[in-house]
Amino acid sequence: MTKGSNHPFKLFLAIFLPFVLFFTIDRPLAGIVCLILQITLIGWIPAALWALYSLSQYETDEKIEASRRKTKK
């Protein structure tokens, strides 16, 4: 299964449940901080933007790691 197959689901999480996304990308401390931010309706938008940015960074890191594994073989 490719990483891209979860992309629409992770985008959904980043927008509607930002704190859950952090747990799916192995950043539990950020998930807790995001939950605290998300509790307020005003903080929901920054939490969603933070989650979208973190998802983008995570996917970039995954691509770099996959590229490194291919060059080592």
PDB file of N, CA and C in Angstrom:
ATOM      1  N   MET A   1       0.837  -1.178   0.000  1.00  0.00           N
ATOM      2  CA  MET A   1       0.000   0.000   0.000  1.00  0.00           C
ATOM      3  C   MET A   1       0.881   1.240   0.000  1.00  0.00           C
ATOM      4  N   THR A   2       0.565   2.172  -0.835  1.00  0.00           N
ATOM      5  CA  THR A   2       1.362   3.383  -0.920  1.00  0.00           C
ATOM      6  C   THR A   2       0.885   4.411   0.094  1.00  0.00           C
ATOM      7  N   LYS A   3       1.790   5.315   0.422  1.00  0.00           N
ATOM      8  CA  LYS A   3       1.454   6.364   1.381  1.00  0.00           C
ATOM      9  C   LYS A   3       0.376   7.291   0.832  1.00  0.00           C
ATOM     10  N   GLY A   4       0.356   7.481  -0.471  1.00  0.00           N
ATOM     11  CA  GLY A   4      -0.591   8.395  -1.081  1.00  0.00           C
ATOM     12  C   GLY A   4      -2.046   7.950  -0.969  1.00  0.00           C
ATOM     13  N   SER A   5      -2.282   6.662  -0.720  1.00  0.00           N
ATOM     14  CA  SER A   5      -3.657   6.186  -0.644  1.00  0.00           C
ATOM     15  C   SER A   5      -4.369   6.717   0.598  1.00  0.00           C
ATOM     16  N   ASN A   6      -3.638   7.144   1.612  1.00  0.00           N
ATOM     17  CA  ASN A   6      -4.239   7.704   2.813  1.00  0.00           C
ATOM     18  C   ASN A   6      -4.357   9.220   2.741  1.00  0.00           C
ATOM     19  N   HIS A   7      -3.900   9.804   1.654  1.00  0.00           N
ATOM     20  CA  HIS A   7      -3.835  11.258   1.556  1.00  0.00           C
ATOM     21  C   HIS A   7      -5.185  11.953   1.748  1.00  0.00           C
ATOM     22  N   PRO A   8      -6.256  11.561   1.078  1.00  0.00           N
ATOM     23  CA  PRO A   8      -7.537  12.255   1.289  1.00  0.00           C
ATOM     24  C   PRO A   8      -8.035  12.136   2.733  1.00  0.00           C
ATOM     25  N   PHE A   9      -7.834  10.982   3.327  1.00  0.00           N
ATOM     26  CA  PHE A   9      -8.256  10.785   4.718  1.00  0.00           C
ATOM     27  C   PHE A   9      -7.446  11.677   5.657  1.00  0.00           C
ATOM     28  N   LYS A  10      -6.157  11.769   5.424  1.00  0.00           N
ATOM     29  CA  LYS A  10      -5.323  12.614   6.278  1.00  0.00           C
ATOM     30  C   LYS A  10      -5.652  14.087   6.087  1.00  0.00           C
ATOM     31  N   LEU A  11      -6.006  14.493   4.883  1.00  0.00           N
ATOM     32  CA  LEU A  11      -6.449  15.870   4.674  1.00  0.00           C
ATOM     33  C   LEU A  11      -7.734  16.150   5.444  1.00  0.00           C
ATOM     34  N   PHE A  12      -8.642  15.194   5.428  1.00  0.00           N
ATOM     35  CA  PHE A  12      -9.879  15.318   6.197  1.00  0.00           C
ATOM     36  C   PHE A  12      -9.567  15.483   7.683  1.00  0.00           C
ATOM     37  N   LEU A  13      -8.672  14.654   8.197  1.00  0.00           N
ATOM     38  CA  LEU A  13      -8.292  14.758   9.599  1.00  0.00           C
ATOM     39  C   LEU A  13      -7.654  16.109   9.908  1.00  0.00           C
ATOM     40  N   ALA A  14      -6.788  16.580   9.021  1.00  0.00           N
ATOM     41  CA  ALA A  14      -6.095  17.841   9.259  1.00  0.00           C
ATOM     42  C   ALA A  14      -7.067  19.005   9.363  1.00  0.00           C
ATOM     43  N   ILE A  15      -8.152  18.955   8.620  1.00  0.00           N
ATOM     44  CA  ILE A  15      -9.107  20.063   8.636  1.00  0.00           C
ATOM     45  C   ILE A  15     -10.122  19.933   9.769  1.00  0.00           C
ATOM     46  N   PHE A  16     -10.679  18.747   9.957  1.00  0.00           N
ATOM     47  CA  PHE A  16     -11.772  18.591  10.909  1.00  0.00           C
ATOM     48  C   PHE A  16     -11.341  18.084  12.287  1.00  0.00           C
ATOM     49  N   LEU A  17     -10.291  17.298  12.373  1.00  0.00           N
ATOM     50  CA  LEU A  17      -9.766  16.799  13.645  1.00  0.00           C
ATOM     51  C   LEU A  17      -8.243  16.927  13.652  1.00  0.00           C
ATOM     52  N   PRO A  18      -7.753  18.164  13.696  1.00  0.00           N
ATOM     53  CA  PRO A  18      -6.307  18.370  13.559  1.00  0.00           C
ATOM     54  C   PRO A  18      -5.462  17.606  14.579  1.00  0.00           C
ATOM     55  N   PHE A  19      -5.933  17.507  15.822  1.00  0.00           N
ATOM     56  CA  PHE A  19      -5.116  16.846  16.828  1.00  0.00           C
ATOM     57  C   PHE A  19      -4.935  15.365  16.535  1.00  0.00           C
ATOM     58  N   VAL A  20      -5.911  14.731  15.909  1.00  0.00           N
ATOM     59  CA  VAL A  20      -5.809  13.305  15.579  1.00  0.00           C
ATOM     60  C   VAL A  20      -4.729  13.080  14.524  1.00  0.00           C
ATOM     61  N   LEU A  21      -4.604  14.015  13.604  1.00  0.00           N
ATOM     62  CA  LEU A  21      -3.591  13.880  12.559  1.00  0.00           C
ATOM     63  C   LEU A  21      -2.196  13.740  13.159  1.00  0.00           C
ATOM     64  N   PHE A  22      -1.909  14.525  14.192  1.00  0.00           N
ATOM     65  CA  PHE A  22      -0.581  14.464  14.796  1.00  0.00           C
ATOM     66  C   PHE A  22      -0.290  13.088  15.384  1.00  0.00           C
ATOM     67  N   PHE A  23      -1.303  12.434  15.905  1.00  0.00           N
ATOM     68  CA  PHE A  23      -1.087  11.084  16.415  1.00  0.00           C
ATOM     69  C   PHE A  23      -0.826  10.093  15.286  1.00  0.00           C
ATOM     70  N   THR A  24      -1.418  10.329  14.106  1.00  0.00           N
ATOM     71  CA  THR A  24      -1.205   9.417  12.979  1.00  0.00           C
ATOM     72  C   THR A  24       0.168   9.602  12.340  1.00  0.00           C
ATOM     73  N   ILE A  25       0.798  10.764  12.546  1.00  0.00           N
ATOM     74  CA  ILE A  25       2.127  10.984  11.973  1.00  0.00           C
ATOM     75  C   ILE A  25       3.209  10.927  13.059  1.00  0.00           C
ATOM     76  N   ASP A  26       2.902  10.246  14.148  1.00  0.00           N
ATOM     77  CA  ASP A  26       3.857   9.976  15.231  1.00  0.00           C
ATOM     78  C   ASP A  26       4.386  11.236  15.904  1.00  0.00           C
ATOM     79  N   ARG A  27       3.488  12.172  16.185  1.00  0.00           N
ATOM     80  CA  ARG A  27       3.849  13.390  16.923  1.00  0.00           C
ATOM     81  C   ARG A  27       2.829  13.605  18.031  1.00  0.00           C
ATOM     82  N   PRO A  28       2.842  12.723  19.060  1.00  0.00           N
ATOM     83  CA  PRO A  28       1.802  12.797  20.093  1.00  0.00           C
ATOM     84  C   PRO A  28       1.843  14.074  20.940  1.00  0.00           C
ATOM     85  N   LEU A  29       3.019  14.606  21.220  1.00  0.00           N
ATOM     86  CA  LEU A  29       3.089  15.830  22.015  1.00  0.00           C
ATOM     87  C   LEU A  29       2.457  16.993  21.254  1.00  0.00           C
ATOM     88  N   ALA A  30       2.729  17.089  19.972  1.00  0.00           N
ATOM     89  CA  ALA A  30       2.106  18.119  19.145  1.00  0.00           C
ATOM     90  C   ALA A  30       0.592  17.907  19.096  1.00  0.00           C
ATOM     91  N   GLY A  31       0.158  16.656  19.114  1.00  0.00           N
ATOM     92  CA  GLY A  31      -1.270  16.359  19.123  1.00  0.00           C
ATOM     93  C   GLY A  31      -1.959  16.867  20.377  1.00  0.00           C
ATOM     94  N   ILE A  32      -1.295  16.732  21.507  1.00  0.00           N
ATOM     95  CA  ILE A  32      -1.864  17.222  22.765  1.00  0.00           C
ATOM     96  C   ILE A  32      -1.935  18.744  22.761  1.00  0.00           C
ATOM     97  N   VAL A  33      -0.861  19.394  22.307  1.00  0.00           N
ATOM     98  CA  VAL A  33      -0.858  20.861  22.228  1.00  0.00           C
ATOM     99  C   VAL A  33      -1.933  21.330  21.245  1.00  0.00           C
ATOM    100  N   CYS A  34      -2.067  20.643  20.136  1.00  0.00           N
ATOM    101  CA  CYS A  34      -3.077  20.997  19.134  1.00  0.00           C
ATOM    102  C   CYS A  34      -4.487  20.815  19.709  1.00  0.00           C
ATOM    103  N   LEU A  35      -4.705  19.788  20.491  1.00  0.00           N
ATOM    104  CA  LEU A  35      -6.012  19.577  21.112  1.00  0.00           C
ATOM    105  C   LEU A  35      -6.357  20.736  22.033  1.00  0.00           C
ATOM    106  N   ILE A  36      -5.389  21.185  22.807  1.00  0.00           N
ATOM    107  CA  ILE A  36      -5.625  22.322  23.693  1.00  0.00           C
ATOM    108  C   ILE A  36      -5.973  23.564  22.871  1.00  0.00           C
ATOM    109  N   LEU A  37      -5.271  23.765  21.783  1.00  0.00           N
ATOM    110  CA  LEU A  37      -5.554  24.893  20.897  1.00  0.00           C
ATOM    111  C   LEU A  37      -6.916  24.745  20.230  1.00  0.00           C
ATOM    112  N   GLN A  38      -7.246  23.533  19.857  1.00  0.00           N
ATOM    113  CA  GLN A  38      -8.476  23.263  19.124  1.00  0.00           C
ATOM    114  C   GLN A  38      -9.717  23.361  19.999  1.00  0.00           C
ATOM    115  N   ILE A  39      -9.587  23.261  21.283  1.00  0.00           N
ATOM    116  CA  ILE A  39     -10.742  23.313  22.182  1.00  0.00           C
ATOM    117  C   ILE A  39     -11.518  24.620  22.005  1.00  0.00           C
ATOM    118  N   THR A  40     -10.794  25.697  21.748  1.00  0.00           N
ATOM    119  CA  THR A  40     -11.472  26.968  21.498  1.00  0.00           C
ATOM    120  C   THR A  40     -11.800  27.053  20.015  1.00  0.00           C
ATOM    121  N   LEU A  41     -12.933  27.617  19.687  1.00  0.00           N
ATOM    122  CA  LEU A  41     -13.305  27.744  18.275  1.00  0.00           C
ATOM    123  C   LEU A  41     -12.367  28.692  17.542  1.00  0.00           C
ATOM    124  N   ILE A  42     -11.864  29.697  18.232  1.00  0.00           N
ATOM    125  CA  ILE A  42     -10.922  30.627  17.607  1.00  0.00           C
ATOM    126  C   ILE A  42      -9.620  29.900  17.261  1.00  0.00           C
ATOM    127  N   GLY A  43      -9.210  28.956  18.088  1.00  0.00           N
ATOM    128  CA  GLY A  43      -7.976  28.221  17.859  1.00  0.00           C
ATOM    129  C   GLY A  43      -8.096  27.119  16.828  1.00  0.00           C
ATOM    130  N   TRP A  44      -9.315  26.822  16.394  1.00  0.00           N
ATOM    131  CA  TRP A  44      -9.513  25.726  15.443  1.00  0.00           C
ATOM    132  C   TRP A  44      -8.822  26.010  14.114  1.00  0.00           C
ATOM    133  N   ILE A  45      -8.936  27.223  13.614  1.00  0.00           N
ATOM    134  CA  ILE A  45      -8.324  27.563  12.318  1.00  0.00           C
ATOM    135  C   ILE A  45      -6.796  27.473  12.388  1.00  0.00           C
ATOM    136  N   PRO A  46      -6.145  28.067  13.390  1.00  0.00           N
ATOM    137  CA  PRO A  46      -4.689  27.886  13.477  1.00  0.00           C
ATOM    138  C   PRO A  46      -4.290  26.420  13.656  1.00  0.00           C
ATOM    139  N   ALA A  47      -5.085  25.656  14.397  1.00  0.00           N
ATOM    140  CA  ALA A  47      -4.780  24.235  14.594  1.00  0.00           C
ATOM    141  C   ALA A  47      -4.869  23.482  13.267  1.00  0.00           C
ATOM    142  N   ALA A  48      -5.877  23.789  12.471  1.00  0.00           N
ATOM    143  CA  ALA A  48      -6.029  23.130  11.166  1.00  0.00           C
ATOM    144  C   ALA A  48      -4.895  23.524  10.230  1.00  0.00           C
ATOM    145  N   LEU A  49      -4.525  24.793  10.229  1.00  0.00           N
ATOM    146  CA  LEU A  49      -3.408  25.233   9.381  1.00  0.00           C
ATOM    147  C   LEU A  49      -2.104  24.580   9.815  1.00  0.00           C
ATOM    148  N   TRP A  50      -1.886  24.484  11.112  1.00  0.00           N
ATOM    149  CA  TRP A  50      -0.693  23.836  11.647  1.00  0.00           C
ATOM    150  C   TRP A  50      -0.674  22.359  11.237  1.00  0.00           C
ATOM    151  N   ALA A  51      -1.809  21.709  11.315  1.00  0.00           N
ATOM    152  CA  ALA A  51      -1.898  20.296  10.933  1.00  0.00           C
ATOM    153  C   ALA A  51      -1.636  20.111   9.441  1.00  0.00           C
ATOM    154  N   LEU A  52      -2.181  20.994   8.612  1.00  0.00           N
ATOM    155  CA  LEU A  52      -1.933  20.897   7.166  1.00  0.00           C
ATOM    156  C   LEU A  52      -0.449  21.098   6.857  1.00  0.00           C
ATOM    157  N   TYR A  53       0.168  22.061   7.506  1.00  0.00           N
ATOM    158  CA  TYR A  53       1.599  22.300   7.308  1.00  0.00           C
ATOM    159  C   TYR A  53       2.420  21.090   7.767  1.00  0.00           C
ATOM    160  N   SER A  54       2.074  20.539   8.920  1.00  0.00           N
ATOM    161  CA  SER A  54       2.806  19.380   9.439  1.00  0.00           C
ATOM    162  C   SER A  54       2.632  18.165   8.546  1.00  0.00           C
ATOM    163  N   LEU A  55       1.441  17.989   7.989  1.00  0.00           N
ATOM    164  CA  LEU A  55       1.204  16.883   7.060  1.00  0.00           C
ATOM    165  C   LEU A  55       2.073  17.041   5.820  1.00  0.00           C
ATOM    166  N   SER A  56       2.174  18.247   5.327  1.00  0.00           N
ATOM    167  CA  SER A  56       3.018  18.518   4.166  1.00  0.00           C
ATOM    168  C   SER A  56       4.480  18.187   4.469  1.00  0.00           C
ATOM    169  N   GLN A  57       4.955  18.603   5.622  1.00  0.00           N
ATOM    170  CA  GLN A  57       6.337  18.325   6.023  1.00  0.00           C
ATOM    171  C   GLN A  57       6.560  16.823   6.201  1.00  0.00           C
ATOM    172  N   TYR A  58       5.601  16.142   6.798  1.00  0.00           N
ATOM    173  CA  TYR A  58       5.708  14.705   7.022  1.00  0.00           C
ATOM    174  C   TYR A  58       5.804  13.958   5.691  1.00  0.00           C
ATOM    175  N   GLU A  59       4.959  14.338   4.728  1.00  0.00           N
ATOM    176  CA  GLU A  59       4.984  13.675   3.426  1.00  0.00           C
ATOM    177  C   GLU A  59       6.298  13.948   2.700  1.00  0.00           C
ATOM    178  N   THR A  60       6.831  15.153   2.836  1.00  0.00           N
ATOM    179  CA  THR A  60       8.124  15.471   2.233  1.00  0.00           C
ATOM    180  C   THR A  60       9.224  14.634   2.859  1.00  0.00           C
ATOM    181  N   ASP A  61       9.208  14.512   4.179  1.00  0.00           N
ATOM    182  CA  ASP A  61      10.201  13.692   4.867  1.00  0.00           C
ATOM    183  C   ASP A  61      10.117  12.229   4.442  1.00  0.00           C
ATOM    184  N   GLU A  62       8.893  11.728   4.253  1.00  0.00           N
ATOM    185  CA  GLU A  62       8.704  10.350   3.809  1.00  0.00           C
ATOM    186  C   GLU A  62       9.279  10.146   2.398  1.00  0.00           C
ATOM    187  N   LYS A  63       9.081  11.107   1.524  1.00  0.00           N
ATOM    188  CA  LYS A  63       9.618  11.003   0.158  1.00  0.00           C
ATOM    189  C   LYS A  63      11.139  11.026   0.170  1.00  0.00           C
ATOM    190  N   ILE A  64      11.720  11.875   0.992  1.00  0.00           N
ATOM    191  CA  ILE A  64      13.182  11.941   1.100  1.00  0.00           C
ATOM    192  C   ILE A  64      13.726  10.623   1.632  1.00  0.00           C
ATOM    193  N   GLU A  65      13.088  10.069   2.639  1.00  0.00           N
ATOM    194  CA  GLU A  65      13.535   8.794   3.211  1.00  0.00           C
ATOM    195  C   GLU A  65      13.415   7.667   2.192  1.00  0.00           C
ATOM    196  N   ALA A  66      12.332   7.648   1.423  1.00  0.00           N
ATOM    197  CA  ALA A  66      12.166   6.621   0.388  1.00  0.00           C
ATOM    198  C   ALA A  66      13.244   6.760  -0.679  1.00  0.00           C
ATOM    199  N   SER A  67      13.585   7.971  -1.013  1.00  0.00           N
ATOM    200  CA  SER A  67      14.636   8.209  -1.996  1.00  0.00           C
ATOM    201  C   SER A  67      15.988   7.728  -1.481  1.00  0.00           C
ATOM    202  N   ARG A  68      16.255   7.959  -0.226  1.00  0.00           N
ATOM    203  CA  ARG A  68      17.519   7.500   0.376  1.00  0.00           C
ATOM    204  C   ARG A  68      17.600   5.981   0.401  1.00  0.00           C
ATOM    205  N   ARG A  69      16.466   5.341   0.693  1.00  0.00           N
ATOM    206  CA  ARG A  69      16.469   3.865   0.715  1.00  0.00           C
ATOM    207  C   ARG A  69      16.732   3.307  -0.671  1.00  0.00           C
ATOM    208  N   LYS A  70      16.194   3.958  -1.701  1.00  0.00           N
ATOM    209  CA  LYS A  70      16.405   3.480  -3.078  1.00  0.00           C
ATOM    210  C   LYS A  70      17.858   3.637  -3.504  1.00  0.00           C
ATOM    211  N   THR A  71      18.514   4.721  -3.082  1.00  0.00           N
ATOM    212  CA  THR A  71      19.901   4.940  -3.494  1.00  0.00           C
ATOM    213  C   THR A  71      20.862   4.031  -2.748  1.00  0.00           C
ATOM    214  N   LYS A  72      20.502   3.551  -1.578  1.00  0.00           N
ATOM    215  CA  LYS A  72      21.375   2.641  -0.823  1.00  0.00           C
ATOM    216  C   LYS A  72      21.353   1.234  -1.378  1.00  0.00           C
ATOM    217  N   LYS A  73      20.304   0.875  -2.113  1.00  0.00           N
ATOM    218  CA  LYS A  73      20.203  -0.489  -2.653  1.00  0.00           C
ATOM    219  C   LYS A  73      21.068  -0.700  -3.838  1.00  0.00           C
TER     220      LYS A  73
END
